[in-house]
């Protein structure tokens, strides 16, 4: 049960972080001049990390 709850949490966090990264990328694309992309990069990287965790926990359940 704990592995399933952890997998669901990691999956939701992954989707949430990818959405935030996508939103930040859209905001950056509309700006002119120098941009600060730290939030976008952080969210996309952490989205991939949580996706890997969700995948690992789903294989543990099966």
PDB file of N, CA and C in Angstrom:
ATOM      1  N   UNK A   1       0.819  -1.195   0.000  1.00  0.00           N
ATOM      2  CA  UNK A   1       0.000   0.000   0.000  1.00  0.00           C
ATOM      3  C   UNK A   1       0.860   1.255   0.000  1.00  0.00           C
ATOM      4  N   UNK A   2       1.955   1.202   0.744  1.00  0.00           N
ATOM      5  CA  UNK A   2       2.826   2.375   0.808  1.00  0.00           C
ATOM      6  C   UNK A   2       3.488   2.640  -0.540  1.00  0.00           C
ATOM      7  N   UNK A   3       3.877   1.575  -1.249  1.00  0.00           N
ATOM      8  CA  UNK A   3       4.491   1.761  -2.560  1.00  0.00           C
ATOM      9  C   UNK A   3       3.499   2.361  -3.552  1.00  0.00           C
ATOM     10  N   UNK A   4       2.235   1.935  -3.471  1.00  0.00           N
ATOM     11  CA  UNK A   4       1.221   2.470  -4.378  1.00  0.00           C
ATOM     12  C   UNK A   4       0.982   3.954  -4.105  1.00  0.00           C
ATOM     13  N   UNK A   5       0.873   4.327  -2.840  1.00  0.00           N
ATOM     14  CA  UNK A   5       0.668   5.731  -2.481  1.00  0.00           C
ATOM     15  C   UNK A   5       1.866   6.583  -2.912  1.00  0.00           C
ATOM     16  N   UNK A   6       3.057   6.055  -2.748  1.00  0.00           N
ATOM     17  CA  UNK A   6       4.253   6.776  -3.169  1.00  0.00           C
ATOM     18  C   UNK A   6       4.303   6.918  -4.681  1.00  0.00           C
ATOM     19  N   UNK A   7       3.889   5.885  -5.418  1.00  0.00           N
ATOM     20  CA  UNK A   7       3.866   5.958  -6.873  1.00  0.00           C
ATOM     21  C   UNK A   7       2.874   7.009  -7.343  1.00  0.00           C
ATOM     22  N   UNK A   8       1.695   7.037  -6.740  1.00  0.00           N
ATOM     23  CA  UNK A   8       0.684   8.021  -7.129  1.00  0.00           C
ATOM     24  C   UNK A   8       1.171   9.432  -6.818  1.00  0.00           C
ATOM     25  N   UNK A   9       1.779   9.624  -5.652  1.00  0.00           N
ATOM     26  CA  UNK A   9       2.323  10.932  -5.296  1.00  0.00           C
ATOM     27  C   UNK A   9       3.394  11.368  -6.291  1.00  0.00           C
ATOM     28  N   UNK A  10       4.310  10.477  -6.635  1.00  0.00           N
ATOM     29  CA  UNK A  10       5.377  10.813  -7.584  1.00  0.00           C
ATOM     30  C   UNK A  10       4.815  11.119  -8.963  1.00  0.00           C
ATOM     31  N   UNK A  11       3.799  10.384  -9.381  1.00  0.00           N
ATOM     32  CA  UNK A  11       3.177  10.637 -10.676  1.00  0.00           C
ATOM     33  C   UNK A  11       2.506  12.005 -10.705  1.00  0.00           C
ATOM     34  N   UNK A  12       1.760  12.332  -9.656  1.00  0.00           N
ATOM     35  CA  UNK A  12       1.089  13.636  -9.593  1.00  0.00           C
ATOM     36  C   UNK A  12       2.106  14.763  -9.547  1.00  0.00           C
ATOM     37  N   UNK A  13       3.165  14.596  -8.761  1.00  0.00           N
ATOM     38  CA  UNK A  13       4.213  15.621  -8.706  1.00  0.00           C
ATOM     39  C   UNK A  13       4.892  15.788 -10.060  1.00  0.00           C
ATOM     40  N   UNK A  14       5.110  14.690 -10.759  1.00  0.00           N
ATOM     41  CA  UNK A  14       5.735  14.745 -12.072  1.00  0.00           C
ATOM     42  C   UNK A  14       4.883  15.551 -13.049  1.00  0.00           C
ATOM     43  N   UNK A  15       3.598  15.246 -13.104  1.00  0.00           N
ATOM     44  CA  UNK A  15       2.703  15.978 -14.005  1.00  0.00           C
ATOM     45  C   UNK A  15       2.638  17.448 -13.619  1.00  0.00           C
ATOM     46  N   UNK A  16       2.530  17.723 -12.328  1.00  0.00           N
ATOM     47  CA  UNK A  16       2.467  19.097 -11.844  1.00  0.00           C
ATOM     48  C   UNK A  16       3.730  19.879 -12.215  1.00  0.00           C
ATOM     49  N   UNK A  17       4.891  19.279 -12.013  1.00  0.00           N
ATOM     50  CA  UNK A  17       6.148  19.971 -12.327  1.00  0.00           C
ATOM     51  C   UNK A  17       6.325  20.166 -13.829  1.00  0.00           C
ATOM     52  N   UNK A  18       5.902  19.186 -14.640  1.00  0.00           N
ATOM     53  CA  UNK A  18       5.964  19.373 -16.089  1.00  0.00           C
ATOM     54  C   UNK A  18       5.053  20.510 -16.526  1.00  0.00           C
ATOM     55  N   UNK A  19       3.875  20.622 -15.926  1.00  0.00           N
ATOM     56  CA  UNK A  19       2.969  21.713 -16.276  1.00  0.00           C
ATOM     57  C   UNK A  19       3.544  23.073 -15.892  1.00  0.00           C
ATOM     58  N   UNK A  20       4.157  23.163 -14.722  1.00  0.00           N
ATOM     59  CA  UNK A  20       4.785  24.420 -14.316  1.00  0.00           C
ATOM     60  C   UNK A  20       5.942  24.762 -15.251  1.00  0.00           C
ATOM     61  N   UNK A  21       6.758  23.778 -15.604  1.00  0.00           N
ATOM     62  CA  UNK A  21       7.858  24.013 -16.538  1.00  0.00           C
ATOM     63  C   UNK A  21       7.368  24.458 -17.901  1.00  0.00           C
ATOM     64  N   UNK A  22       6.278  23.858 -18.375  1.00  0.00           N
ATOM     65  CA  UNK A  22       5.689  24.247 -19.657  1.00  0.00           C
ATOM     66  C   UNK A  22       5.176  25.679 -19.594  1.00  0.00           C
ATOM     67  N   UNK A  23       4.496  26.022 -18.497  1.00  0.00           N
ATOM     68  CA  UNK A  23       3.982  27.381 -18.320  1.00  0.00           C
ATOM     69  C   UNK A  23       5.128  28.398 -18.290  1.00  0.00           C
ATOM     70  N   UNK A  24       6.195  28.075 -17.598  1.00  0.00           N
ATOM     71  CA  UNK A  24       7.355  28.972 -17.546  1.00  0.00           C
ATOM     72  C   UNK A  24       7.994  29.120 -18.921  1.00  0.00           C
ATOM     73  N   UNK A  25       8.040  28.044 -19.700  1.00  0.00           N
ATOM     74  CA  UNK A  25       8.607  28.119 -21.049  1.00  0.00           C
ATOM     75  C   UNK A  25       7.769  29.042 -21.933  1.00  0.00           C
ATOM     76  N   UNK A  26       6.456  28.990 -21.776  1.00  0.00           N
ATOM     77  CA  UNK A  26       5.594  29.887 -22.549  1.00  0.00           C
ATOM     78  C   UNK A  26       5.825  31.333 -22.125  1.00  0.00           C
ATOM     79  N   UNK A  27       5.972  31.572 -20.817  1.00  0.00           N
ATOM     80  CA  UNK A  27       6.243  32.939 -20.351  1.00  0.00           C
ATOM     81  C   UNK A  27       7.582  33.442 -20.870  1.00  0.00           C
ATOM     82  N   UNK A  28       8.597  32.573 -20.885  1.00  0.00           N
ATOM     83  CA  UNK A  28       9.928  32.964 -21.348  1.00  0.00           C
ATOM     84  C   UNK A  28       9.906  33.278 -22.843  1.00  0.00           C
ATOM     85  N   UNK A  29       9.132  32.511 -23.604  1.00  0.00           N
ATOM     86  CA  UNK A  29       9.120  32.716 -25.052  1.00  0.00           C
ATOM     87  C   UNK A  29       8.495  34.052 -25.439  1.00  0.00           C
ATOM     88  N   UNK A  30       7.703  34.645 -24.553  1.00  0.00           N
ATOM     89  CA  UNK A  30       7.084  35.929 -24.851  1.00  0.00           C
ATOM     90  C   UNK A  30       7.920  37.119 -24.394  1.00  0.00           C
ATOM     91  N   UNK A  31       9.011  36.881 -23.688  1.00  0.00           N
ATOM     92  CA  UNK A  31       9.835  37.970 -23.185  1.00  0.00           C
ATOM     93  C   UNK A  31      10.905  38.354 -24.196  1.00  0.00           C
ATOM     94  N   UNK A  32      11.340  39.595 -24.082  1.00  0.00           N
ATOM     95  CA  UNK A  32      12.429  40.075 -24.931  1.00  0.00           C
ATOM     96  C   UNK A  32      13.661  40.313 -24.074  1.00  0.00           C
ATOM     97  N   UNK A  33      14.826  40.201 -24.675  1.00  0.00           N
ATOM     98  CA  UNK A  33      16.074  40.425 -23.962  1.00  0.00           C
ATOM     99  C   UNK A  33      16.488  39.207 -23.154  1.00  0.00           C
ATOM    100  N   UNK A  34      17.292  39.459 -22.130  1.00  0.00           N
ATOM    101  CA  UNK A  34      17.770  38.366 -21.279  1.00  0.00           C
ATOM    102  C   UNK A  34      16.630  37.801 -20.446  1.00  0.00           C
ATOM    103  N   UNK A  35      16.609  36.497 -20.325  1.00  0.00           N
ATOM    104  CA  UNK A  35      15.571  35.833 -19.534  1.00  0.00           C
ATOM    105  C   UNK A  35      16.221  35.010 -18.434  1.00  0.00           C
ATOM    106  N   UNK A  36      15.453  34.740 -17.396  1.00  0.00           N
ATOM    107  CA  UNK A  36      15.919  33.893 -16.307  1.00  0.00           C
ATOM    108  C   UNK A  36      15.111  32.606 -16.358  1.00  0.00           C
ATOM    109  N   UNK A  37      15.764  31.527 -16.689  1.00  0.00           N
ATOM    110  CA  UNK A  37      15.073  30.259 -16.917  1.00  0.00           C
ATOM    111  C   UNK A  37      15.310  29.255 -15.798  1.00  0.00           C
ATOM    112  N   UNK A  38      15.726  29.708 -14.652  1.00  0.00           N
ATOM    113  CA  UNK A  38      16.021  28.792 -13.550  1.00  0.00           C
ATOM    114  C   UNK A  38      14.823  27.978 -13.106  1.00  0.00           C
ATOM    115  N   UNK A  39      13.667  28.617 -13.005  1.00  0.00           N
ATOM    116  CA  UNK A  39      12.463  27.910 -12.573  1.00  0.00           C
ATOM    117  C   UNK A  39      12.065  26.845 -13.589  1.00  0.00           C
ATOM    118  N   UNK A  40      12.130  27.191 -14.864  1.00  0.00           N
ATOM    119  CA  UNK A  40      11.758  26.241 -15.905  1.00  0.00           C
ATOM    120  C   UNK A  40      12.684  25.024 -15.890  1.00  0.00           C
ATOM    121  N   UNK A  41      13.969  25.262 -15.835  1.00  0.00           N
ATOM    122  CA  UNK A  41      14.939  24.171 -15.842  1.00  0.00           C
ATOM    123  C   UNK A  41      14.759  23.290 -14.607  1.00  0.00           C
ATOM    124  N   UNK A  42      14.598  23.922 -13.442  1.00  0.00           N
ATOM    125  CA  UNK A  42      14.417  23.163 -12.206  1.00  0.00           C
ATOM    126  C   UNK A  42      13.164  22.300 -12.271  1.00  0.00           C
ATOM    127  N   UNK A  43      12.055  22.881 -12.722  1.00  0.00           N
ATOM    128  CA  UNK A  43      10.791  22.133 -12.768  1.00  0.00           C
ATOM    129  C   UNK A  43      10.854  20.980 -13.761  1.00  0.00           C
ATOM    130  N   UNK A  44      11.461  21.191 -14.912  1.00  0.00           N
ATOM    131  CA  UNK A  44      11.541  20.108 -15.891  1.00  0.00           C
ATOM    132  C   UNK A  44      12.445  18.976 -15.411  1.00  0.00           C
ATOM    133  N   UNK A  45      13.572  19.323 -14.814  1.00  0.00           N
ATOM    134  CA  UNK A  45      14.477  18.293 -14.297  1.00  0.00           C
ATOM    135  C   UNK A  45      13.813  17.510 -13.167  1.00  0.00           C
ATOM    136  N   UNK A  46      13.171  18.215 -12.241  1.00  0.00           N
ATOM    137  CA  UNK A  46      12.512  17.526 -11.140  1.00  0.00           C
ATOM    138  C   UNK A  46      11.303  16.733 -11.629  1.00  0.00           C
ATOM    139  N   UNK A  47      10.649  17.181 -12.700  1.00  0.00           N
ATOM    140  CA  UNK A  47       9.567  16.406 -13.294  1.00  0.00           C
ATOM    141  C   UNK A  47      10.073  15.065 -13.804  1.00  0.00           C
ATOM    142  N   UNK A  48      11.243  15.085 -14.453  1.00  0.00           N
ATOM    143  CA  UNK A  48      11.837  13.827 -14.916  1.00  0.00           C
ATOM    144  C   UNK A  48      12.248  12.940 -13.738  1.00  0.00           C
ATOM    145  N   UNK A  49      12.770  13.545 -12.693  1.00  0.00           N
ATOM    146  CA  UNK A  49      13.177  12.767 -11.516  1.00  0.00           C
ATOM    147  C   UNK A  49      11.967  12.072 -10.892  1.00  0.00           C
ATOM    148  N   UNK A  50      10.874  12.809 -10.722  1.00  0.00           N
ATOM    149  CA  UNK A  50       9.680  12.204 -10.132  1.00  0.00           C
ATOM    150  C   UNK A  50       9.057  11.178 -11.068  1.00  0.00           C
ATOM    151  N   UNK A  51       9.181  11.376 -12.384  1.00  0.00           N
ATOM    152  CA  UNK A  51       8.682  10.372 -13.330  1.00  0.00           C
ATOM    153  C   UNK A  51       9.478   9.072 -13.205  1.00  0.00           C
ATOM    154  N   UNK A  52      10.781   9.180 -13.030  1.00  0.00           N
ATOM    155  CA  UNK A  52      11.609   7.990 -12.828  1.00  0.00           C
ATOM    156  C   UNK A  52      11.248   7.300 -11.515  1.00  0.00           C
ATOM    157  N   UNK A  53      11.027   8.091 -10.448  1.00  0.00           N
ATOM    158  CA  UNK A  53      10.612   7.497  -9.182  1.00  0.00           C
ATOM    159  C   UNK A  53       9.280   6.771  -9.330  1.00  0.00           C
ATOM    160  N   UNK A  54       8.318   7.395 -10.019  1.00  0.00           N
ATOM    161  CA  UNK A  54       7.007   6.757 -10.221  1.00  0.00           C
ATOM    162  C   UNK A  54       7.157   5.458 -10.997  1.00  0.00           C
ATOM    163  N   UNK A  55       8.034   5.465 -12.002  1.00  0.00           N
ATOM    164  CA  UNK A  55       8.266   4.253 -12.777  1.00  0.00           C
ATOM    165  C   UNK A  55       8.890   3.162 -11.914  1.00  0.00           C
ATOM    166  N   UNK A  56       9.847   3.527 -11.090  1.00  0.00           N
ATOM    167  CA  UNK A  56      10.481   2.542 -10.214  1.00  0.00           C
ATOM    168  C   UNK A  56       9.479   1.957  -9.214  1.00  0.00           C
ATOM    169  N   UNK A  57       8.634   2.803  -8.644  1.00  0.00           N
ATOM    170  CA  UNK A  57       7.663   2.302  -7.674  1.00  0.00           C
ATOM    171  C   UNK A  57       6.595   1.465  -8.368  1.00  0.00           C
ATOM    172  N   UNK A  58       6.257   1.778  -9.626  1.00  0.00           N
ATOM    173  CA  UNK A  58       5.251   0.966 -10.306  1.00  0.00           C
ATOM    174  C   UNK A  58       5.803  -0.413 -10.640  1.00  0.00           C
ATOM    175  N   UNK A  59       7.096  -0.523 -10.939  1.00  0.00           N
ATOM    176  CA  UNK A  59       7.667  -1.841 -11.179  1.00  0.00           C
ATOM    177  C   UNK A  59       7.816  -2.624  -9.879  1.00  0.00           C
ATOM    178  N   UNK A  60       7.956  -1.926  -8.759  1.00  0.00           N
ATOM    179  CA  UNK A  60       8.035  -2.601  -7.467  1.00  0.00           C
ATOM    180  C   UNK A  60       6.685  -3.220  -7.102  1.00  0.00           C
ATOM    181  N   UNK A  61       5.612  -2.528  -7.484  1.00  0.00           N
ATOM    182  CA  UNK A  61       4.274  -3.021  -7.169  1.00  0.00           C
ATOM    183  C   UNK A  61       3.963  -4.267  -7.985  1.00  0.00           C
ATOM    184  N   UNK A  62       4.324  -4.263  -9.264  1.00  0.00           N
ATOM    185  CA  UNK A  62       3.944  -5.358 -10.183  1.00  0.00           C
ATOM    186  C   UNK A  62       4.645  -6.645  -9.878  1.00  0.00           C
TER     187      UNK A  62
END
